[in-house]
């Protein structure tokens, strides 16, 4: 049996853009993805602290050191530049593996740089 557990998160990042005409997903500075151990293309849940919205999508690596976090496609209607969000990833593991997992949590500064 496998269970889905919290793997990592980027806590209280700031949305820098919203692109309605893009196909979909979230673009995140590659430095943030790497620090949170989230892979490009990985499914994530995004929680908008500013307005309470929640979505699931996949990640696209943005320019390193750019601080960019851009919601693309339909999500651009639910997220706006300046919104504070949490990006959460999960893993499917056995209960035994879950007992030994330590989630990774990163806390970017107000410019989405790693503190």
PDB file of N, CA and C in Angstrom:
ATOM      1  N   UNK A   1       0.842  -1.183   0.000  1.00  0.00           N
ATOM      2  CA  UNK A   1       0.000   0.000   0.000  1.00  0.00           C
ATOM      3  C   UNK A   1       0.885   1.244   0.000  1.00  0.00           C
ATOM      4  N   UNK A   2       0.438   2.266  -0.704  1.00  0.00           N
ATOM      5  CA  UNK A   2       1.126   3.560  -0.706  1.00  0.00           C
ATOM      6  C   UNK A   2       0.160   4.621  -0.191  1.00  0.00           C
ATOM      7  N   UNK A   3       0.737   5.634   0.440  1.00  0.00           N
ATOM      8  CA  UNK A   3      -0.035   6.772   0.916  1.00  0.00           C
ATOM      9  C   UNK A   3       0.596   8.054   0.380  1.00  0.00           C
ATOM     10  N   UNK A   4      -0.198   9.094   0.259  1.00  0.00           N
ATOM     11  CA  UNK A   4       0.314  10.376  -0.220  1.00  0.00           C
ATOM     12  C   UNK A   4       0.626  11.252   0.994  1.00  0.00           C
ATOM     13  N   UNK A   5       1.880  11.727   1.071  1.00  0.00           N
ATOM     14  CA  UNK A   5       2.315  12.525   2.217  1.00  0.00           C
ATOM     15  C   UNK A   5       2.987  13.817   1.752  1.00  0.00           C
ATOM     16  N   UNK A   6       3.014  14.781   2.633  1.00  0.00           N
ATOM     17  CA  UNK A   6       3.655  16.068   2.406  1.00  0.00           C
ATOM     18  C   UNK A   6       5.146  15.859   2.203  1.00  0.00           C
ATOM     19  N   UNK A   7       5.673  16.341   1.069  1.00  0.00           N
ATOM     20  CA  UNK A   7       7.093  16.182   0.732  1.00  0.00           C
ATOM     21  C   UNK A   7       7.875  17.472   0.925  1.00  0.00           C
ATOM     22  N   UNK A   8       7.326  18.576   0.413  1.00  0.00           N
ATOM     23  CA  UNK A   8       8.055  19.839   0.521  1.00  0.00           C
ATOM     24  C   UNK A   8       7.133  21.008   0.234  1.00  0.00           C
ATOM     25  N   UNK A   9       7.609  22.219   0.619  1.00  0.00           N
ATOM     26  CA  UNK A   9       6.828  23.404   0.267  1.00  0.00           C
ATOM     27  C   UNK A   9       7.695  24.646   0.221  1.00  0.00           C
ATOM     28  N   UNK A  10       7.227  25.568  -0.583  1.00  0.00           N
ATOM     29  CA  UNK A  10       7.771  26.925  -0.651  1.00  0.00           C
ATOM     30  C   UNK A  10       6.726  27.770   0.055  1.00  0.00           C
ATOM     31  N   UNK A  11       7.068  28.259   1.239  1.00  0.00           N
ATOM     32  CA  UNK A  11       6.089  28.878   2.129  1.00  0.00           C
ATOM     33  C   UNK A  11       6.101  30.399   2.036  1.00  0.00           C
ATOM     34  N   UNK A  12       4.961  30.968   1.725  1.00  0.00           N
ATOM     35  CA  UNK A  12       4.743  32.421   1.682  1.00  0.00           C
ATOM     36  C   UNK A  12       5.611  33.125   0.627  1.00  0.00           C
ATOM     37  N   UNK A  13       5.545  32.596  -0.585  1.00  0.00           N
ATOM     38  CA  UNK A  13       6.198  33.255  -1.714  1.00  0.00           C
ATOM     39  C   UNK A  13       5.227  34.285  -2.292  1.00  0.00           C
ATOM     40  N   UNK A  14       5.756  35.179  -3.094  1.00  0.00           N
ATOM     41  CA  UNK A  14       4.938  36.252  -3.675  1.00  0.00           C
ATOM     42  C   UNK A  14       4.815  36.034  -5.187  1.00  0.00           C
ATOM     43  N   UNK A  15       3.570  36.064  -5.684  1.00  0.00           N
ATOM     44  CA  UNK A  15       3.319  35.954  -7.118  1.00  0.00           C
ATOM     45  C   UNK A  15       3.879  37.196  -7.813  1.00  0.00           C
ATOM     46  N   UNK A  16       4.647  36.972  -8.879  1.00  0.00           N
ATOM     47  CA  UNK A  16       5.233  38.099  -9.614  1.00  0.00           C
ATOM     48  C   UNK A  16       4.544  38.349 -10.953  1.00  0.00           C
ATOM     49  N   UNK A  17       3.738  37.379 -11.398  1.00  0.00           N
ATOM     50  CA  UNK A  17       3.061  37.563 -12.671  1.00  0.00           C
ATOM     51  C   UNK A  17       1.937  36.574 -12.872  1.00  0.00           C
ATOM     52  N   UNK A  18       1.052  36.890 -13.814  1.00  0.00           N
ATOM     53  CA  UNK A  18      -0.058  36.014 -14.186  1.00  0.00           C
ATOM     54  C   UNK A  18      -0.243  36.158 -15.694  1.00  0.00           C
ATOM     55  N   UNK A  19      -0.138  35.047 -16.411  1.00  0.00           N
ATOM     56  CA  UNK A  19      -0.177  35.064 -17.877  1.00  0.00           C
ATOM     57  C   UNK A  19      -1.339  34.204 -18.366  1.00  0.00           C
ATOM     58  N   UNK A  20      -2.474  34.849 -18.608  1.00  0.00           N
ATOM     59  CA  UNK A  20      -3.687  34.150 -19.012  1.00  0.00           C
ATOM     60  C   UNK A  20      -3.522  33.409 -20.336  1.00  0.00           C
ATOM     61  N   UNK A  21      -2.712  33.921 -21.246  1.00  0.00           N
ATOM     62  CA  UNK A  21      -2.589  33.334 -22.578  1.00  0.00           C
ATOM     63  C   UNK A  21      -1.599  32.173 -22.654  1.00  0.00           C
ATOM     64  N   UNK A  22      -0.964  31.824 -21.545  1.00  0.00           N
ATOM     65  CA  UNK A  22      -0.041  30.698 -21.525  1.00  0.00           C
ATOM     66  C   UNK A  22      -0.846  29.417 -21.380  1.00  0.00           C
ATOM     67  N   UNK A  23      -0.300  28.271 -21.785  1.00  0.00           N
ATOM     68  CA  UNK A  23      -1.044  27.008 -21.785  1.00  0.00           C
ATOM     69  C   UNK A  23      -1.451  26.523 -20.399  1.00  0.00           C
ATOM     70  N   UNK A  24      -0.707  26.827 -19.387  1.00  0.00           N
ATOM     71  CA  UNK A  24      -1.057  26.369 -18.046  1.00  0.00           C
ATOM     72  C   UNK A  24       0.170  26.046 -17.235  1.00  0.00           C
ATOM     73  N   UNK A  25       0.050  26.000 -15.935  1.00  0.00           N
ATOM     74  CA  UNK A  25       1.127  25.638 -15.019  1.00  0.00           C
ATOM     75  C   UNK A  25       1.548  26.816 -14.155  1.00  0.00           C
ATOM     76  N   UNK A  26       2.638  26.627 -13.406  1.00  0.00           N
ATOM     77  CA  UNK A  26       3.246  27.689 -12.630  1.00  0.00           C
ATOM     78  C   UNK A  26       4.741  27.709 -12.943  1.00  0.00           C
ATOM     79  N   UNK A  27       5.248  28.886 -13.275  1.00  0.00           N
ATOM     80  CA  UNK A  27       6.676  29.065 -13.518  1.00  0.00           C
ATOM     81  C   UNK A  27       7.293  29.548 -12.209  1.00  0.00           C
ATOM     82  N   UNK A  28       8.337  28.838 -11.759  1.00  0.00           N
ATOM     83  CA  UNK A  28       8.986  29.148 -10.485  1.00  0.00           C
ATOM     84  C   UNK A  28      10.491  29.228 -10.692  1.00  0.00           C
ATOM     85  N   UNK A  29      11.107  30.259 -10.147  1.00  0.00           N
ATOM     86  CA  UNK A  29      12.563  30.408 -10.169  1.00  0.00           C
ATOM     87  C   UNK A  29      13.207  29.047  -9.882  1.00  0.00           C
ATOM     88  N   UNK A  30      14.095  28.603 -10.749  1.00  0.00           N
ATOM     89  CA  UNK A  30      14.737  27.289 -10.612  1.00  0.00           C
ATOM     90  C   UNK A  30      15.465  27.135  -9.277  1.00  0.00           C
ATOM     91  N   UNK A  31      15.986  28.221  -8.716  1.00  0.00           N
ATOM     92  CA  UNK A  31      16.645  28.142  -7.408  1.00  0.00           C
ATOM     93  C   UNK A  31      15.668  27.719  -6.322  1.00  0.00           C
ATOM     94  N   UNK A  32      14.444  28.248  -6.379  1.00  0.00           N
ATOM     95  CA  UNK A  32      13.430  27.879  -5.380  1.00  0.00           C
ATOM     96  C   UNK A  32      13.010  26.422  -5.542  1.00  0.00           C
ATOM     97  N   UNK A  33      12.799  26.003  -6.792  1.00  0.00           N
ATOM     98  CA  UNK A  33      12.425  24.603  -7.024  1.00  0.00           C
ATOM     99  C   UNK A  33      13.499  23.670  -6.482  1.00  0.00           C
ATOM    100  N   UNK A  34      14.733  23.966  -6.806  1.00  0.00           N
ATOM    101  CA  UNK A  34      15.843  23.119  -6.366  1.00  0.00           C
ATOM    102  C   UNK A  34      15.931  23.066  -4.841  1.00  0.00           C
ATOM    103  N   UNK A  35      15.833  24.206  -4.191  1.00  0.00           N
ATOM    104  CA  UNK A  35      15.925  24.250  -2.732  1.00  0.00           C
ATOM    105  C   UNK A  35      14.798  23.461  -2.067  1.00  0.00           C
ATOM    106  N   UNK A  36      13.610  23.466  -2.687  1.00  0.00           N
ATOM    107  CA  UNK A  36      12.459  22.745  -2.140  1.00  0.00           C
ATOM    108  C   UNK A  36      12.383  21.305  -2.631  1.00  0.00           C
ATOM    109  N   UNK A  37      13.335  20.918  -3.464  1.00  0.00           N
ATOM    110  CA  UNK A  37      13.360  19.567  -4.044  1.00  0.00           C
ATOM    111  C   UNK A  37      12.086  19.250  -4.826  1.00  0.00           C
ATOM    112  N   UNK A  38      11.648  20.243  -5.592  1.00  0.00           N
ATOM    113  CA  UNK A  38      10.504  20.086  -6.488  1.00  0.00           C
ATOM    114  C   UNK A  38      11.069  20.072  -7.912  1.00  0.00           C
ATOM    115  N   UNK A  39      10.693  19.082  -8.685  1.00  0.00           N
ATOM    116  CA  UNK A  39      11.209  18.939 -10.044  1.00  0.00           C
ATOM    117  C   UNK A  39      10.355  19.700 -11.062  1.00  0.00           C
ATOM    118  N   UNK A  40      10.961  20.150 -12.158  1.00  0.00           N
ATOM    119  CA  UNK A  40      10.149  20.684 -13.249  1.00  0.00           C
ATOM    120  C   UNK A  40       9.185  19.591 -13.718  1.00  0.00           C
ATOM    121  N   UNK A  41       7.949  19.971 -13.931  1.00  0.00           N
ATOM    122  CA  UNK A  41       6.927  19.014 -14.348  1.00  0.00           C
ATOM    123  C   UNK A  41       6.233  18.313 -13.206  1.00  0.00           C
ATOM    124  N   UNK A  42       6.688  18.533 -11.989  1.00  0.00           N
ATOM    125  CA  UNK A  42       6.081  17.864 -10.832  1.00  0.00           C
ATOM    126  C   UNK A  42       4.736  18.504 -10.494  1.00  0.00           C
ATOM    127  N   UNK A  43       3.784  17.661 -10.133  1.00  0.00           N
ATOM    128  CA  UNK A  43       2.469  18.141  -9.714  1.00  0.00           C
ATOM    129  C   UNK A  43       2.602  18.838  -8.362  1.00  0.00           C
ATOM    130  N   UNK A  44       1.973  20.005  -8.240  1.00  0.00           N
ATOM    131  CA  UNK A  44       1.981  20.754  -6.987  1.00  0.00           C
ATOM    132  C   UNK A  44       0.585  21.293  -6.703  1.00  0.00           C
ATOM    133  N   UNK A  45       0.359  21.565  -5.437  1.00  0.00           N
ATOM    134  CA  UNK A  45      -0.847  22.274  -5.005  1.00  0.00           C
ATOM    135  C   UNK A  45      -0.413  23.691  -4.658  1.00  0.00           C
ATOM    136  N   UNK A  46      -1.189  24.663  -5.079  1.00  0.00           N
ATOM    137  CA  UNK A  46      -0.874  26.050  -4.776  1.00  0.00           C
ATOM    138  C   UNK A  46      -2.028  26.622  -3.975  1.00  0.00           C
ATOM    139  N   UNK A  47      -1.685  27.173  -2.813  1.00  0.00           N
ATOM    140  CA  UNK A  47      -2.664  27.756  -1.908  1.00  0.00           C
ATOM    141  C   UNK A  47      -2.436  29.267  -1.906  1.00  0.00           C
ATOM    142  N   UNK A  48      -3.474  30.011  -2.225  1.00  0.00           N
ATOM    143  CA  UNK A  48      -3.380  31.469  -2.254  1.00  0.00           C
ATOM    144  C   UNK A  48      -3.810  32.003  -0.887  1.00  0.00           C
ATOM    145  N   UNK A  49      -2.853  32.453  -0.101  1.00  0.00           N
ATOM    146  CA  UNK A  49      -3.154  32.987   1.227  1.00  0.00           C
ATOM    147  C   UNK A  49      -3.967  34.274   1.103  1.00  0.00           C
ATOM    148  N   UNK A  50      -3.731  35.039   0.061  1.00  0.00           N
ATOM    149  CA  UNK A  50      -4.394  36.322  -0.109  1.00  0.00           C
ATOM    150  C   UNK A  50      -5.903  36.182  -0.299  1.00  0.00           C
ATOM    151  N   UNK A  51      -6.329  35.199  -1.115  1.00  0.00           N
ATOM    152  CA  UNK A  51      -7.770  35.107  -1.398  1.00  0.00           C
ATOM    153  C   UNK A  51      -8.395  33.736  -1.137  1.00  0.00           C
ATOM    154  N   UNK A  52      -7.626  32.766  -0.652  1.00  0.00           N
ATOM    155  CA  UNK A  52      -8.179  31.462  -0.298  1.00  0.00           C
ATOM    156  C   UNK A  52      -8.291  30.460  -1.431  1.00  0.00           C
ATOM    157  N   UNK A  53      -7.934  30.824  -2.645  1.00  0.00           N
ATOM    158  CA  UNK A  53      -8.008  29.884  -3.774  1.00  0.00           C
ATOM    159  C   UNK A  53      -6.991  28.763  -3.603  1.00  0.00           C
ATOM    160  N   UNK A  54      -7.318  27.592  -4.162  1.00  0.00           N
ATOM    161  CA  UNK A  54      -6.413  26.443  -4.194  1.00  0.00           C
ATOM    162  C   UNK A  54      -6.511  25.821  -5.571  1.00  0.00           C
ATOM    163  N   UNK A  55      -5.350  25.494  -6.134  1.00  0.00           N
ATOM    164  CA  UNK A  55      -5.342  24.795  -7.429  1.00  0.00           C
ATOM    165  C   UNK A  55      -4.251  23.736  -7.410  1.00  0.00           C
ATOM    166  N   UNK A  56      -4.347  22.823  -8.361  1.00  0.00           N
ATOM    167  CA  UNK A  56      -3.272  21.872  -8.633  1.00  0.00           C
ATOM    168  C   UNK A  56      -2.806  22.110 -10.052  1.00  0.00           C
ATOM    169  N   UNK A  57      -1.501  22.026 -10.249  1.00  0.00           N
ATOM    170  CA  UNK A  57      -0.911  22.205 -11.572  1.00  0.00           C
ATOM    171  C   UNK A  57       0.462  21.551 -11.564  1.00  0.00           C
ATOM    172  N   UNK A  58       1.281  21.862 -12.546  1.00  0.00           N
ATOM    173  CA  UNK A  58       2.640  21.332 -12.590  1.00  0.00           C
ATOM    174  C   UNK A  58       3.617  22.497 -12.705  1.00  0.00           C
ATOM    175  N   UNK A  59       4.866  22.240 -12.378  1.00  0.00           N
ATOM    176  CA  UNK A  59       5.865  23.305 -12.347  1.00  0.00           C
ATOM    177  C   UNK A  59       6.650  23.393 -13.649  1.00  0.00           C
ATOM    178  N   UNK A  60       7.071  24.616 -13.945  1.00  0.00           N
ATOM    179  CA  UNK A  60       8.016  24.909 -15.014  1.00  0.00           C
ATOM    180  C   UNK A  60       9.149  25.687 -14.358  1.00  0.00           C
ATOM    181  N   UNK A  61      10.385  25.308 -14.632  1.00  0.00           N
ATOM    182  CA  UNK A  61      11.529  26.019 -14.058  1.00  0.00           C
ATOM    183  C   UNK A  61      11.692  27.372 -14.740  1.00  0.00           C
ATOM    184  N   UNK A  62      11.717  28.425 -13.914  1.00  0.00           N
ATOM    185  CA  UNK A  62      11.952  29.776 -14.404  1.00  0.00           C
ATOM    186  C   UNK A  62      13.436  30.116 -14.333  1.00  0.00           C
ATOM    187  N   UNK A  63      13.766  31.321 -14.718  1.00  0.00           N
ATOM    188  CA  UNK A  63      15.161  31.761 -14.718  1.00  0.00           C
ATOM    189  C   UNK A  63      15.727  31.757 -13.302  1.00  0.00           C
ATOM    190  N   UNK A  64      16.907  31.173 -13.154  1.00  0.00           N
ATOM    191  CA  UNK A  64      17.596  31.131 -11.857  1.00  0.00           C
ATOM    192  C   UNK A  64      17.869  32.530 -11.347  1.00  0.00           C
ATOM    193  N   UNK A  65      17.574  32.727 -10.055  1.00  0.00           N
ATOM    194  CA  UNK A  65      17.859  34.009  -9.422  1.00  0.00           C
ATOM    195  C   UNK A  65      16.895  35.120  -9.781  1.00  0.00           C
ATOM    196  N   UNK A  66      15.884  34.815 -10.570  1.00  0.00           N
ATOM    197  CA  UNK A  66      14.937  35.841 -11.025  1.00  0.00           C
ATOM    198  C   UNK A  66      13.884  36.168  -9.978  1.00  0.00           C
ATOM    199  N   UNK A  67      13.606  35.226  -9.085  1.00  0.00           N
ATOM    200  CA  UNK A  67      12.527  35.413  -8.112  1.00  0.00           C
ATOM    201  C   UNK A  67      11.141  35.282  -8.715  1.00  0.00           C
ATOM    202  N   UNK A  68      11.080  34.870  -9.985  1.00  0.00           N
ATOM    203  CA  UNK A  68       9.773  34.828 -10.639  1.00  0.00           C
ATOM    204  C   UNK A  68       8.909  33.674 -10.156  1.00  0.00           C
ATOM    205  N   UNK A  69       7.651  33.986  -9.966  1.00  0.00           N
ATOM    206  CA  UNK A  69       6.603  33.004  -9.718  1.00  0.00           C
ATOM    207  C   UNK A  69       5.400  33.506 -10.501  1.00  0.00           C
ATOM    208  N   UNK A  70       5.114  32.805 -11.608  1.00  0.00           N
ATOM    209  CA  UNK A  70       4.087  33.252 -12.539  1.00  0.00           C
ATOM    210  C   UNK A  70       3.036  32.162 -12.693  1.00  0.00           C
ATOM    211  N   UNK A  71       1.777  32.516 -12.448  1.00  0.00           N
ATOM    212  CA  UNK A  71       0.670  31.596 -12.681  1.00  0.00           C
ATOM    213  C   UNK A  71       0.248  31.742 -14.123  1.00  0.00           C
ATOM    214  N   UNK A  72       0.130  30.624 -14.813  1.00  0.00           N
ATOM    215  CA  UNK A  72      -0.138  30.611 -16.244  1.00  0.00           C
ATOM    216  C   UNK A  72      -1.499  30.006 -16.547  1.00  0.00           C
ATOM    217  N   UNK A  73      -2.067  30.396 -17.673  1.00  0.00           N
ATOM    218  CA  UNK A  73      -3.335  29.832 -18.122  1.00  0.00           C
ATOM    219  C   UNK A  73      -4.493  30.246 -17.233  1.00  0.00           C
ATOM    220  N   UNK A  74      -5.440  29.346 -17.062  1.00  0.00           N
ATOM    221  CA  UNK A  74      -6.660  29.665 -16.311  1.00  0.00           C
ATOM    222  C   UNK A  74      -6.366  30.120 -14.882  1.00  0.00           C
ATOM    223  N   UNK A  75      -5.286  29.627 -14.280  1.00  0.00           N
ATOM    224  CA  UNK A  75      -4.937  30.021 -12.907  1.00  0.00           C
ATOM    225  C   UNK A  75      -4.673  31.518 -12.801  1.00  0.00           C
ATOM    226  N   UNK A  76      -4.342  32.157 -13.914  1.00  0.00           N
ATOM    227  CA  UNK A  76      -4.093  33.598 -13.900  1.00  0.00           C
ATOM    228  C   UNK A  76      -5.345  34.379 -13.491  1.00  0.00           C
ATOM    229  N   UNK A  77      -6.500  33.765 -13.580  1.00  0.00           N
ATOM    230  CA  UNK A  77      -7.743  34.420 -13.141  1.00  0.00           C
ATOM    231  C   UNK A  77      -7.914  34.361 -11.623  1.00  0.00           C
ATOM    232  N   UNK A  78      -7.181  33.464 -10.970  1.00  0.00           N
ATOM    233  CA  UNK A  78      -7.340  33.258  -9.525  1.00  0.00           C
ATOM    234  C   UNK A  78      -6.159  33.755  -8.704  1.00  0.00           C
ATOM    235  N   UNK A  79      -5.089  34.156  -9.365  1.00  0.00           N
ATOM    236  CA  UNK A  79      -3.870  34.628  -8.705  1.00  0.00           C
ATOM    237  C   UNK A  79      -3.427  35.911  -9.382  1.00  0.00           C
ATOM    238  N   UNK A  80      -2.956  36.862  -8.590  1.00  0.00           N
ATOM    239  CA  UNK A  80      -2.521  38.145  -9.147  1.00  0.00           C
ATOM    240  C   UNK A  80      -1.151  38.506  -8.593  1.00  0.00           C
ATOM    241  N   UNK A  81      -0.376  39.284  -9.331  1.00  0.00           N
ATOM    242  CA  UNK A  81       0.907  39.739  -8.799  1.00  0.00           C
ATOM    243  C   UNK A  81       0.719  40.361  -7.410  1.00  0.00           C
ATOM    244  N   UNK A  82       1.613  39.971  -6.514  1.00  0.00           N
ATOM    245  CA  UNK A  82       1.541  40.448  -5.136  1.00  0.00           C
ATOM    246  C   UNK A  82       0.866  39.479  -4.180  1.00  0.00           C
ATOM    247  N   UNK A  83       0.057  38.533  -4.700  1.00  0.00           N
ATOM    248  CA  UNK A  83      -0.578  37.538  -3.824  1.00  0.00           C
ATOM    249  C   UNK A  83       0.494  36.716  -3.119  1.00  0.00           C
ATOM    250  N   UNK A  84       0.218  36.339  -1.881  1.00  0.00           N
ATOM    251  CA  UNK A  84       1.111  35.477  -1.101  1.00  0.00           C
ATOM    252  C   UNK A  84       0.596  34.051  -1.237  1.00  0.00           C
ATOM    253  N   UNK A  85       1.499  33.124  -1.595  1.00  0.00           N
ATOM    254  CA  UNK A  85       1.085  31.745  -1.849  1.00  0.00           C
ATOM    255  C   UNK A  85       1.999  30.744  -1.136  1.00  0.00           C
ATOM    256  N   UNK A  86       1.504  29.515  -1.072  1.00  0.00           N
ATOM    257  CA  UNK A  86       2.281  28.366  -0.623  1.00  0.00           C
ATOM    258  C   UNK A  86       2.239  27.347  -1.757  1.00  0.00           C
ATOM    259  N   UNK A  87       3.404  26.844  -2.150  1.00  0.00           N
ATOM    260  CA  UNK A  87       3.507  25.815  -3.188  1.00  0.00           C
ATOM    261  C   UNK A  87       3.873  24.517  -2.471  1.00  0.00           C
ATOM    262  N   UNK A  88       3.017  23.499  -2.576  1.00  0.00           N
ATOM    263  CA  UNK A  88       3.174  22.260  -1.814  1.00  0.00           C
ATOM    264  C   UNK A  88       3.322  21.077  -2.761  1.00  0.00           C
ATOM    265  N   UNK A  89       4.290  20.202  -2.451  1.00  0.00           N
ATOM    266  CA  UNK A  89       4.429  18.957  -3.207  1.00  0.00           C
ATOM    267  C   UNK A  89       4.209  17.776  -2.272  1.00  0.00           C
ATOM    268  N   UNK A  90       3.782  16.679  -2.848  1.00  0.00           N
ATOM    269  CA  UNK A  90       3.480  15.462  -2.093  1.00  0.00           C
ATOM    270  C   UNK A  90       4.214  14.289  -2.739  1.00  0.00           C
ATOM    271  N   UNK A  91       4.342  13.197  -2.003  1.00  0.00           N
ATOM    272  CA  UNK A  91       4.969  11.988  -2.533  1.00  0.00           C
ATOM    273  C   UNK A  91       4.115  10.777  -2.172  1.00  0.00           C
ATOM    274  N   UNK A  92       4.079   9.795  -3.060  1.00  0.00           N
ATOM    275  CA  UNK A  92       3.410   8.522  -2.775  1.00  0.00           C
ATOM    276  C   UNK A  92       4.473   7.544  -2.281  1.00  0.00           C
ATOM    277  N   UNK A  93       4.347   7.144  -1.044  1.00  0.00           N
ATOM    278  CA  UNK A  93       5.344   6.273  -0.420  1.00  0.00           C
ATOM    279  C   UNK A  93       4.636   5.220   0.424  1.00  0.00           C
ATOM    280  N   UNK A  94       5.386   4.230   0.835  1.00  0.00           N
ATOM    281  CA  UNK A  94       4.817   3.251   1.760  1.00  0.00           C
ATOM    282  C   UNK A  94       4.724   3.886   3.142  1.00  0.00           C
ATOM    283  N   UNK A  95       3.857   3.363   4.006  1.00  0.00           N
ATOM    284  CA  UNK A  95       3.793   3.894   5.372  1.00  0.00           C
ATOM    285  C   UNK A  95       5.154   3.830   6.077  1.00  0.00           C
ATOM    286  N   UNK A  96       5.936   2.802   5.798  1.00  0.00           N
ATOM    287  CA  UNK A  96       7.261   2.680   6.410  1.00  0.00           C
ATOM    288  C   UNK A  96       8.175   3.817   5.947  1.00  0.00           C
ATOM    289  N   UNK A  97       8.156   4.118   4.638  1.00  0.00           N
ATOM    290  CA  UNK A  97       8.961   5.223   4.113  1.00  0.00           C
ATOM    291  C   UNK A  97       8.500   6.555   4.705  1.00  0.00           C
ATOM    292  N   UNK A  98       7.191   6.706   4.859  1.00  0.00           N
ATOM    293  CA  UNK A  98       6.636   7.954   5.389  1.00  0.00           C
ATOM    294  C   UNK A  98       7.129   8.231   6.809  1.00  0.00           C
ATOM    295  N   UNK A  99       7.290   7.192   7.588  1.00  0.00           N
ATOM    296  CA  UNK A  99       7.752   7.377   8.971  1.00  0.00           C
ATOM    297  C   UNK A  99       9.150   7.987   9.049  1.00  0.00           C
ATOM    298  N   UNK A 100       9.944   7.783   8.008  1.00  0.00           N
ATOM    299  CA  UNK A 100      11.323   8.293   7.998  1.00  0.00           C
ATOM    300  C   UNK A 100      11.511   9.546   7.150  1.00  0.00           C
ATOM    301  N   UNK A 101      10.445  10.036   6.550  1.00  0.00           N
ATOM    302  CA  UNK A 101      10.550  11.223   5.687  1.00  0.00           C
ATOM    303  C   UNK A 101      10.628  12.494   6.521  1.00  0.00           C
ATOM    304  N   UNK A 102      11.443  13.412   6.050  1.00  0.00           N
ATOM    305  CA  UNK A 102      11.489  14.743   6.646  1.00  0.00           C
ATOM    306  C   UNK A 102      11.181  15.743   5.543  1.00  0.00           C
ATOM    307  N   UNK A 103      10.020  16.388   5.607  1.00  0.00           N
ATOM    308  CA  UNK A 103       9.672  17.355   4.562  1.00  0.00           C
ATOM    309  C   UNK A 103      10.662  18.523   4.525  1.00  0.00           C
ATOM    310  N   UNK A 104      10.813  19.086   3.348  1.00  0.00           N
ATOM    311  CA  UNK A 104      11.663  20.260   3.140  1.00  0.00           C
ATOM    312  C   UNK A 104      10.743  21.475   3.060  1.00  0.00           C
ATOM    313  N   UNK A 105      11.027  22.484   3.865  1.00  0.00           N
ATOM    314  CA  UNK A 105      10.249  23.720   3.836  1.00  0.00           C
ATOM    315  C   UNK A 105      11.224  24.873   3.640  1.00  0.00           C
ATOM    316  N   UNK A 106      10.969  25.690   2.622  1.00  0.00           N
ATOM    317  CA  UNK A 106      11.813  26.876   2.441  1.00  0.00           C
ATOM    318  C   UNK A 106      10.945  28.120   2.624  1.00  0.00           C
ATOM    319  N   UNK A 107      11.577  29.156   3.109  1.00  0.00           N
ATOM    320  CA  UNK A 107      10.911  30.415   3.423  1.00  0.00           C
ATOM    321  C   UNK A 107      11.583  31.543   2.634  1.00  0.00           C
ATOM    322  N   UNK A 108      11.110  31.821   1.412  1.00  0.00           N
ATOM    323  CA  UNK A 108      11.742  32.887   0.639  1.00  0.00           C
ATOM    324  C   UNK A 108      11.466  34.259   1.251  1.00  0.00           C
ATOM    325  N   UNK A 109      12.341  35.220   0.931  1.00  0.00           N
ATOM    326  CA  UNK A 109      12.119  36.582   1.408  1.00  0.00           C
ATOM    327  C   UNK A 109      11.091  37.281   0.518  1.00  0.00           C
ATOM    328  N   UNK A 110      10.886  38.571   0.714  1.00  0.00           N
ATOM    329  CA  UNK A 110       9.851  39.307  -0.020  1.00  0.00           C
ATOM    330  C   UNK A 110      10.129  39.437  -1.520  1.00  0.00           C
ATOM    331  N   UNK A 111      11.354  39.078  -1.940  1.00  0.00           N
ATOM    332  CA  UNK A 111      11.703  39.077  -3.360  1.00  0.00           C
ATOM    333  C   UNK A 111      11.838  37.662  -3.914  1.00  0.00           C
ATOM    334  N   UNK A 112      11.310  36.681  -3.180  1.00  0.00           N
ATOM    335  CA  UNK A 112      11.360  35.270  -3.552  1.00  0.00           C
ATOM    336  C   UNK A 112      12.789  34.754  -3.658  1.00  0.00           C
ATOM    337  N   UNK A 113      13.649  35.255  -2.809  1.00  0.00           N
ATOM    338  CA  UNK A 113      15.024  34.752  -2.719  1.00  0.00           C
ATOM    339  C   UNK A 113      15.099  33.852  -1.487  1.00  0.00           C
ATOM    340  N   UNK A 114      15.956  32.862  -1.523  1.00  0.00           N
ATOM    341  CA  UNK A 114      16.095  31.946  -0.403  1.00  0.00           C
ATOM    342  C   UNK A 114      16.803  32.667   0.737  1.00  0.00           C
ATOM    343  N   UNK A 115      16.184  32.591   1.907  1.00  0.00           N
ATOM    344  CA  UNK A 115      16.773  33.265   3.094  1.00  0.00           C
ATOM    345  C   UNK A 115      17.973  32.509   3.595  1.00  0.00           C
TER     346      UNK A 115
END
